[in-house]
């Protein structure tokens, strides 16, 4: 799984202080998939975005809420 690091738009170009996050594609996506979820995990949040729109909106979950969603999605039949 390859991580893609991005500097936060809230960071300045001066000084060493900046925030970076690493986005990774869902494990259910292949390299050929054009429409996938990308996830970035931080200490206090899990960010989710559409891989087709990297600069578009994203969802933000607390880690417990994200884990509850993943558990529900993997244990519930369609």
PDB file of N, CA and C in Angstrom:
ATOM      1  N   UNK A   1       0.837  -1.162   0.000  1.00  0.00           N
ATOM      2  CA  UNK A   1       0.000   0.000   0.000  1.00  0.00           C
ATOM      3  C   UNK A   1       0.892   1.238   0.000  1.00  0.00           C
ATOM      4  N   UNK A   2       0.687   2.110  -0.972  1.00  0.00           N
ATOM      5  CA  UNK A   2       1.504   3.305  -1.109  1.00  0.00           C
ATOM      6  C   UNK A   2       0.801   4.501  -0.489  1.00  0.00           C
ATOM      7  N   UNK A   3       1.523   5.284   0.298  1.00  0.00           N
ATOM      8  CA  UNK A   3       0.976   6.491   0.903  1.00  0.00           C
ATOM      9  C   UNK A   3       1.384   7.698   0.076  1.00  0.00           C
ATOM     10  N   UNK A   4       0.497   8.651  -0.065  1.00  0.00           N
ATOM     11  CA  UNK A   4       0.788   9.893  -0.780  1.00  0.00           C
ATOM     12  C   UNK A   4       0.739  11.034   0.225  1.00  0.00           C
ATOM     13  N   UNK A   5       1.886  11.682   0.490  1.00  0.00           N
ATOM     14  CA  UNK A   5       1.971  12.733   1.494  1.00  0.00           C
ATOM     15  C   UNK A   5       1.663  14.084   0.887  1.00  0.00           C
ATOM     16  N   UNK A   6       0.892  14.903   1.590  1.00  0.00           N
ATOM     17  CA  UNK A   6       0.540  16.231   1.140  1.00  0.00           C
ATOM     18  C   UNK A   6       0.725  17.213   2.275  1.00  0.00           C
ATOM     19  N   UNK A   7       1.290  18.367   1.970  1.00  0.00           N
ATOM     20  CA  UNK A   7       1.442  19.427   2.955  1.00  0.00           C
ATOM     21  C   UNK A   7       0.107  20.136   3.120  1.00  0.00           C
ATOM     22  N   UNK A   8      -0.258  20.433   4.332  1.00  0.00           N
ATOM     23  CA  UNK A   8      -1.518  21.118   4.616  1.00  0.00           C
ATOM     24  C   UNK A   8      -1.534  22.503   3.981  1.00  0.00           C
ATOM     25  N   UNK A   9      -2.693  22.916   3.505  1.00  0.00           N
ATOM     26  CA  UNK A   9      -2.838  24.258   2.941  1.00  0.00           C
ATOM     27  C   UNK A   9      -2.746  25.322   4.035  1.00  0.00           C
ATOM     28  N   UNK A  10      -2.783  24.913   5.292  1.00  0.00           N
ATOM     29  CA  UNK A  10      -2.678  25.845   6.417  1.00  0.00           C
ATOM     30  C   UNK A  10      -1.237  26.050   6.859  1.00  0.00           C
ATOM     31  N   UNK A  11      -0.301  25.381   6.207  1.00  0.00           N
ATOM     32  CA  UNK A  11       1.114  25.505   6.554  1.00  0.00           C
ATOM     33  C   UNK A  11       1.752  26.596   5.704  1.00  0.00           C
ATOM     34  N   UNK A  12       2.684  27.304   6.295  1.00  0.00           N
ATOM     35  CA  UNK A  12       3.388  28.338   5.537  1.00  0.00           C
ATOM     36  C   UNK A  12       4.634  27.722   4.889  1.00  0.00           C
ATOM     37  N   UNK A  13       5.212  28.452   3.980  1.00  0.00           N
ATOM     38  CA  UNK A  13       6.448  27.998   3.338  1.00  0.00           C
ATOM     39  C   UNK A  13       7.669  28.370   4.155  1.00  0.00           C
ATOM     40  N   UNK A  14       7.465  29.102   5.250  1.00  0.00           N
ATOM     41  CA  UNK A  14       8.563  29.525   6.099  1.00  0.00           C
ATOM     42  C   UNK A  14       8.610  28.656   7.346  1.00  0.00           C
ATOM     43  N   UNK A  15       9.787  28.290   7.754  1.00  0.00           N
ATOM     44  CA  UNK A  15       9.940  27.507   8.967  1.00  0.00           C
ATOM     45  C   UNK A  15       9.687  26.029   8.745  1.00  0.00           C
ATOM     46  N   UNK A  16      10.003  25.258   9.748  1.00  0.00           N
ATOM     47  CA  UNK A  16       9.906  23.800   9.639  1.00  0.00           C
ATOM     48  C   UNK A  16       8.559  23.259  10.094  1.00  0.00           C
ATOM     49  N   UNK A  17       7.715  24.121  10.649  1.00  0.00           N
ATOM     50  CA  UNK A  17       6.448  23.639  11.172  1.00  0.00           C
ATOM     51  C   UNK A  17       5.393  23.564  10.075  1.00  0.00           C
ATOM     52  N   UNK A  18       4.906  22.378   9.816  1.00  0.00           N
ATOM     53  CA  UNK A  18       3.798  22.196   8.891  1.00  0.00           C
ATOM     54  C   UNK A  18       3.115  20.881   9.227  1.00  0.00           C
ATOM     55  N   UNK A  19       1.946  20.723   8.706  1.00  0.00           N
ATOM     56  CA  UNK A  19       1.173  19.509   8.946  1.00  0.00           C
ATOM     57  C   UNK A  19       1.092  18.741   7.638  1.00  0.00           C
ATOM     58  N   UNK A  20       1.414  17.465   7.678  1.00  0.00           N
ATOM     59  CA  UNK A  20       1.284  16.631   6.496  1.00  0.00           C
ATOM     60  C   UNK A  20       0.385  15.457   6.827  1.00  0.00           C
ATOM     61  N   UNK A  21      -0.392  15.033   5.847  1.00  0.00           N
ATOM     62  CA  UNK A  21      -1.203  13.837   6.004  1.00  0.00           C
ATOM     63  C   UNK A  21      -0.915  12.907   4.842  1.00  0.00           C
ATOM     64  N   UNK A  22      -1.088  11.639   5.067  1.00  0.00           N
ATOM     65  CA  UNK A  22      -0.856  10.641   4.019  1.00  0.00           C
ATOM     66  C   UNK A  22      -2.175   9.985   3.656  1.00  0.00           C
ATOM     67  N   UNK A  23      -2.544  10.083   2.398  1.00  0.00           N
ATOM     68  CA  UNK A  23      -3.750   9.441   1.903  1.00  0.00           C
ATOM     69  C   UNK A  23      -3.380   8.092   1.326  1.00  0.00           C
ATOM     70  N   UNK A  24      -4.227   7.098   1.562  1.00  0.00           N
ATOM     71  CA  UNK A  24      -4.039   5.776   0.965  1.00  0.00           C
ATOM     72  C   UNK A  24      -5.369   5.299   0.420  1.00  0.00           C
ATOM     73  N   UNK A  25      -5.305   4.532  -0.676  1.00  0.00           N
ATOM     74  CA  UNK A  25      -6.535   3.987  -1.255  1.00  0.00           C
ATOM     75  C   UNK A  25      -7.049   2.844  -0.400  1.00  0.00           C
ATOM     76  N   UNK A  26      -8.333   2.644  -0.443  1.00  0.00           N
ATOM     77  CA  UNK A  26      -8.951   1.522   0.251  1.00  0.00           C
ATOM     78  C   UNK A  26      -8.298   0.227  -0.196  1.00  0.00           C
ATOM     79  N   UNK A  27      -8.195  -0.718   0.703  1.00  0.00           N
ATOM     80  CA  UNK A  27      -7.621  -2.027   0.378  1.00  0.00           C
ATOM     81  C   UNK A  27      -8.472  -2.818  -0.599  1.00  0.00           C
ATOM     82  N   UNK A  28      -9.691  -2.366  -0.850  1.00  0.00           N
ATOM     83  CA  UNK A  28     -10.582  -3.051  -1.788  1.00  0.00           C
ATOM     84  C   UNK A  28     -10.459  -2.498  -3.201  1.00  0.00           C
ATOM     85  N   UNK A  29      -9.551  -1.556  -3.407  1.00  0.00           N
ATOM     86  CA  UNK A  29      -9.348  -0.959  -4.729  1.00  0.00           C
ATOM     87  C   UNK A  29      -8.074  -1.518  -5.353  1.00  0.00           C
ATOM     88  N   UNK A  30      -8.103  -1.665  -6.652  1.00  0.00           N
ATOM     89  CA  UNK A  30      -6.900  -2.062  -7.370  1.00  0.00           C
ATOM     90  C   UNK A  30      -6.310  -0.826  -8.039  1.00  0.00           C
ATOM     91  N   UNK A  31      -5.127  -0.957  -8.608  1.00  0.00           N
ATOM     92  CA  UNK A  31      -4.497   0.170  -9.292  1.00  0.00           C
ATOM     93  C   UNK A  31      -5.291   0.612 -10.510  1.00  0.00           C
ATOM     94  N   UNK A  32      -6.116  -0.274 -11.047  1.00  0.00           N
ATOM     95  CA  UNK A  32      -6.905   0.045 -12.239  1.00  0.00           C
ATOM     96  C   UNK A  32      -8.214   0.754 -11.902  1.00  0.00           C
ATOM     97  N   UNK A  33      -8.642   0.689 -10.642  1.00  0.00           N
ATOM     98  CA  UNK A  33      -9.893   1.335 -10.236  1.00  0.00           C
ATOM     99  C   UNK A  33      -9.738   2.855 -10.301  1.00  0.00           C
ATOM    100  N   UNK A  34     -10.707   3.513 -10.898  1.00  0.00           N
ATOM    101  CA  UNK A  34     -10.658   4.976 -10.975  1.00  0.00           C
ATOM    102  C   UNK A  34     -11.539   5.630  -9.920  1.00  0.00           C
ATOM    103  N   UNK A  35     -12.455   4.899  -9.345  1.00  0.00           N
ATOM    104  CA  UNK A  35     -13.356   5.442  -8.331  1.00  0.00           C
ATOM    105  C   UNK A  35     -13.188   4.658  -7.038  1.00  0.00           C
ATOM    106  N   UNK A  36     -12.432   5.199  -6.131  1.00  0.00           N
ATOM    107  CA  UNK A  36     -12.155   4.534  -4.859  1.00  0.00           C
ATOM    108  C   UNK A  36     -12.213   5.539  -3.723  1.00  0.00           C
ATOM    109  N   UNK A  37     -12.291   5.006  -2.536  1.00  0.00           N
ATOM    110  CA  UNK A  37     -12.145   5.836  -1.351  1.00  0.00           C
ATOM    111  C   UNK A  37     -10.674   5.940  -1.010  1.00  0.00           C
ATOM    112  N   UNK A  38     -10.270   7.108  -0.554  1.00  0.00           N
ATOM    113  CA  UNK A  38      -8.936   7.284  -0.002  1.00  0.00           C
ATOM    114  C   UNK A  38      -9.100   7.693   1.448  1.00  0.00           C
ATOM    115  N   UNK A  39      -8.207   7.211   2.286  1.00  0.00           N
ATOM    116  CA  UNK A  39      -8.310   7.401   3.726  1.00  0.00           C
ATOM    117  C   UNK A  39      -7.007   7.988   4.247  1.00  0.00           C
ATOM    118  N   UNK A  40      -7.104   8.940   5.156  1.00  0.00           N
ATOM    119  CA  UNK A  40      -5.952   9.489   5.863  1.00  0.00           C
ATOM    120  C   UNK A  40      -6.261   9.393   7.349  1.00  0.00           C
ATOM    121  N   UNK A  41      -5.393   8.732   8.086  1.00  0.00           N
ATOM    122  CA  UNK A  41      -5.620   8.556   9.519  1.00  0.00           C
ATOM    123  C   UNK A  41      -4.682   9.442  10.317  1.00  0.00           C
ATOM    124  N   UNK A  42      -5.246  10.143  11.285  1.00  0.00           N
ATOM    125  CA  UNK A  42      -4.480  10.955  12.213  1.00  0.00           C
ATOM    126  C   UNK A  42      -4.870  10.526  13.624  1.00  0.00           C
ATOM    127  N   UNK A  43      -4.242  11.090  14.611  1.00  0.00           N
ATOM    128  CA  UNK A  43      -4.509  10.712  15.992  1.00  0.00           C
ATOM    129  C   UNK A  43      -5.964  10.936  16.381  1.00  0.00           C
ATOM    130  N   UNK A  44      -6.514  12.072  15.999  1.00  0.00           N
ATOM    131  CA  UNK A  44      -7.858  12.424  16.446  1.00  0.00           C
ATOM    132  C   UNK A  44      -8.911  12.377  15.349  1.00  0.00           C
ATOM    133  N   UNK A  45      -8.548  11.964  14.131  1.00  0.00           N
ATOM    134  CA  UNK A  45      -9.525  11.966  13.042  1.00  0.00           C
ATOM    135  C   UNK A  45      -9.141  10.978  11.952  1.00  0.00           C
ATOM    136  N   UNK A  46     -10.146  10.516  11.246  1.00  0.00           N
ATOM    137  CA  UNK A  46      -9.964   9.713  10.045  1.00  0.00           C
ATOM    138  C   UNK A  46     -10.667  10.475   8.932  1.00  0.00           C
ATOM    139  N   UNK A  47      -9.916  10.823   7.894  1.00  0.00           N
ATOM    140  CA  UNK A  47     -10.457  11.572   6.769  1.00  0.00           C
ATOM    141  C   UNK A  47     -10.725  10.614   5.618  1.00  0.00           C
ATOM    142  N   UNK A  48     -11.834  10.844   4.897  1.00  0.00           N
ATOM    143  CA  UNK A  48     -12.210   9.982   3.779  1.00  0.00           C
ATOM    144  C   UNK A  48     -12.563  10.889   2.605  1.00  0.00           C
ATOM    145  N   UNK A  49     -12.028  10.561   1.416  1.00  0.00           N
ATOM    146  CA  UNK A  49     -12.334  11.354   0.226  1.00  0.00           C
ATOM    147  C   UNK A  49     -12.487  10.449  -0.987  1.00  0.00           C
ATOM    148  N   UNK A  50     -13.003  11.013  -2.055  1.00  0.00           N
ATOM    149  CA  UNK A  50     -13.166  10.328  -3.331  1.00  0.00           C
ATOM    150  C   UNK A  50     -11.857  10.450  -4.104  1.00  0.00           C
ATOM    151  N   UNK A  51     -11.314   9.341  -4.571  1.00  0.00           N
ATOM    152  CA  UNK A  51     -10.026   9.388  -5.265  1.00  0.00           C
ATOM    153  C   UNK A  51     -10.093  10.162  -6.574  1.00  0.00           C
ATOM    154  N   UNK A  52     -11.285  10.321  -7.153  1.00  0.00           N
ATOM    155  CA  UNK A  52     -11.423  11.072  -8.405  1.00  0.00           C
ATOM    156  C   UNK A  52     -11.374  12.580  -8.176  1.00  0.00           C
ATOM    157  N   UNK A  53     -11.598  13.022  -6.951  1.00  0.00           N
ATOM    158  CA  UNK A  53     -11.676  14.452  -6.655  1.00  0.00           C
ATOM    159  C   UNK A  53     -10.805  14.759  -5.439  1.00  0.00           C
ATOM    160  N   UNK A  54      -9.498  14.734  -5.636  1.00  0.00           N
ATOM    161  CA  UNK A  54      -8.557  14.866  -4.527  1.00  0.00           C
ATOM    162  C   UNK A  54      -8.615  16.233  -3.839  1.00  0.00           C
ATOM    163  N   UNK A  55      -9.067  17.258  -4.525  1.00  0.00           N
ATOM    164  CA  UNK A  55      -9.152  18.582  -3.915  1.00  0.00           C
ATOM    165  C   UNK A  55     -10.568  18.905  -3.453  1.00  0.00           C
ATOM    166  N   UNK A  56     -11.471  17.973  -3.653  1.00  0.00           N
ATOM    167  CA  UNK A  56     -12.861  18.179  -3.265  1.00  0.00           C
ATOM    168  C   UNK A  56     -13.091  17.955  -1.785  1.00  0.00           C
ATOM    169  N   UNK A  57     -14.345  17.887  -1.395  1.00  0.00           N
ATOM    170  CA  UNK A  57     -14.684  17.722   0.021  1.00  0.00           C
ATOM    171  C   UNK A  57     -14.281  16.351   0.550  1.00  0.00           C
ATOM    172  N   UNK A  58     -14.169  16.275   1.848  1.00  0.00           N
ATOM    173  CA  UNK A  58     -13.882  14.987   2.499  1.00  0.00           C
ATOM    174  C   UNK A  58     -14.748  14.874   3.747  1.00  0.00           C
ATOM    175  N   UNK A  59     -14.916  13.651   4.190  1.00  0.00           N
ATOM    176  CA  UNK A  59     -15.635  13.384   5.432  1.00  0.00           C
ATOM    177  C   UNK A  59     -14.621  13.228   6.554  1.00  0.00           C
ATOM    178  N   UNK A  60     -14.988  13.632   7.751  1.00  0.00           N
ATOM    179  CA  UNK A  60     -14.120  13.492   8.911  1.00  0.00           C
ATOM    180  C   UNK A  60     -14.852  12.688   9.978  1.00  0.00           C
ATOM    181  N   UNK A  61     -14.200  11.629  10.447  1.00  0.00           N
ATOM    182  CA  UNK A  61     -14.746  10.758  11.489  1.00  0.00           C
ATOM    183  C   UNK A  61     -13.811  10.760  12.685  1.00  0.00           C
ATOM    184  N   UNK A  62     -14.368  10.562  13.877  1.00  0.00           N
ATOM    185  CA  UNK A  62     -13.507  10.251  15.012  1.00  0.00           C
ATOM    186  C   UNK A  62     -13.057   8.805  14.820  1.00  0.00           C
ATOM    187  N   UNK A  63     -11.916   8.404  15.367  1.00  0.00           N
ATOM    188  CA  UNK A  63     -11.497   7.009  15.215  1.00  0.00           C
ATOM    189  C   UNK A  63     -12.549   6.001  15.685  1.00  0.00           C
ATOM    190  N   UNK A  64     -13.238   6.205  16.826  1.00  0.00           N
ATOM    191  CA  UNK A  64     -14.274   5.238  17.219  1.00  0.00           C
ATOM    192  C   UNK A  64     -15.440   5.187  16.224  1.00  0.00           C
ATOM    193  N   UNK A  65     -15.844   6.343  15.686  1.00  0.00           N
ATOM    194  CA  UNK A  65     -16.935   6.359  14.708  1.00  0.00           C
ATOM    195  C   UNK A  65     -16.519   5.651  13.426  1.00  0.00           C
ATOM    196  N   UNK A  66     -15.270   5.844  12.984  1.00  0.00           N
ATOM    197  CA  UNK A  66     -14.780   5.163  11.783  1.00  0.00           C
ATOM    198  C   UNK A  66     -14.754   3.654  12.006  1.00  0.00           C
ATOM    199  N   UNK A  67     -14.275   3.226  13.170  1.00  0.00           N
ATOM    200  CA  UNK A  67     -14.224   1.792  13.465  1.00  0.00           C
ATOM    201  C   UNK A  67     -15.623   1.198  13.501  1.00  0.00           C
ATOM    202  N   UNK A  68     -16.580   1.924  14.052  1.00  0.00           N
ATOM    203  CA  UNK A  68     -17.965   1.445  14.075  1.00  0.00           C
ATOM    204  C   UNK A  68     -18.512   1.312  12.656  1.00  0.00           C
ATOM    205  N   UNK A  69     -18.199   2.287  11.788  1.00  0.00           N
ATOM    206  CA  UNK A  69     -18.637   2.214  10.396  1.00  0.00           C
ATOM    207  C   UNK A  69     -18.019   1.015   9.685  1.00  0.00           C
ATOM    208  N   UNK A  70     -16.723   0.819   9.846  1.00  0.00           N
ATOM    209  CA  UNK A  70     -16.034  -0.305   9.193  1.00  0.00           C
ATOM    210  C   UNK A  70     -16.605  -1.627   9.695  1.00  0.00           C
ATOM    211  N   UNK A  71     -16.832  -1.740  10.986  1.00  0.00           N
ATOM    212  CA  UNK A  71     -17.406  -2.970  11.543  1.00  0.00           C
ATOM    213  C   UNK A  71     -18.791  -3.213  10.967  1.00  0.00           C
ATOM    214  N   UNK A  72     -19.616  -2.191  10.921  1.00  0.00           N
ATOM    215  CA  UNK A  72     -20.962  -2.325  10.353  1.00  0.00           C
ATOM    216  C   UNK A  72     -20.887  -2.721   8.883  1.00  0.00           C
ATOM    217  N   UNK A  73     -20.031  -2.043   8.118  1.00  0.00           N
ATOM    218  CA  UNK A  73     -19.948  -2.317   6.681  1.00  0.00           C
ATOM    219  C   UNK A  73     -19.427  -3.722   6.369  1.00  0.00           C
ATOM    220  N   UNK A  74     -18.579  -4.252   7.232  1.00  0.00           N
ATOM    221  CA  UNK A  74     -18.010  -5.576   6.958  1.00  0.00           C
ATOM    222  C   UNK A  74     -18.836  -6.712   7.537  1.00  0.00           C
ATOM    223  N   UNK A  75     -19.805  -6.398   8.386  1.00  0.00           N
ATOM    224  CA  UNK A  75     -20.608  -7.476   8.988  1.00  0.00           C
ATOM    225  C   UNK A  75     -22.066  -7.467   8.555  1.00  0.00           C
ATOM    226  N   UNK A  76     -22.476  -6.469   7.802  1.00  0.00           N
ATOM    227  CA  UNK A  76     -23.857  -6.346   7.374  1.00  0.00           C
ATOM    228  C   UNK A  76     -24.008  -6.816   5.932  1.00  0.00           C
ATOM    229  N   UNK A  77     -25.001  -7.659   5.684  1.00  0.00           N
ATOM    230  CA  UNK A  77     -25.247  -8.136   4.325  1.00  0.00           C
ATOM    231  C   UNK A  77     -26.063  -7.106   3.567  1.00  0.00           C
ATOM    232  N   UNK A  78     -25.771  -6.991   2.271  1.00  0.00           N
ATOM    233  CA  UNK A  78     -26.489  -6.028   1.422  1.00  0.00           C
ATOM    234  C   UNK A  78     -27.873  -6.504   1.105  1.00  0.00           C
TER     235      UNK A  78
END
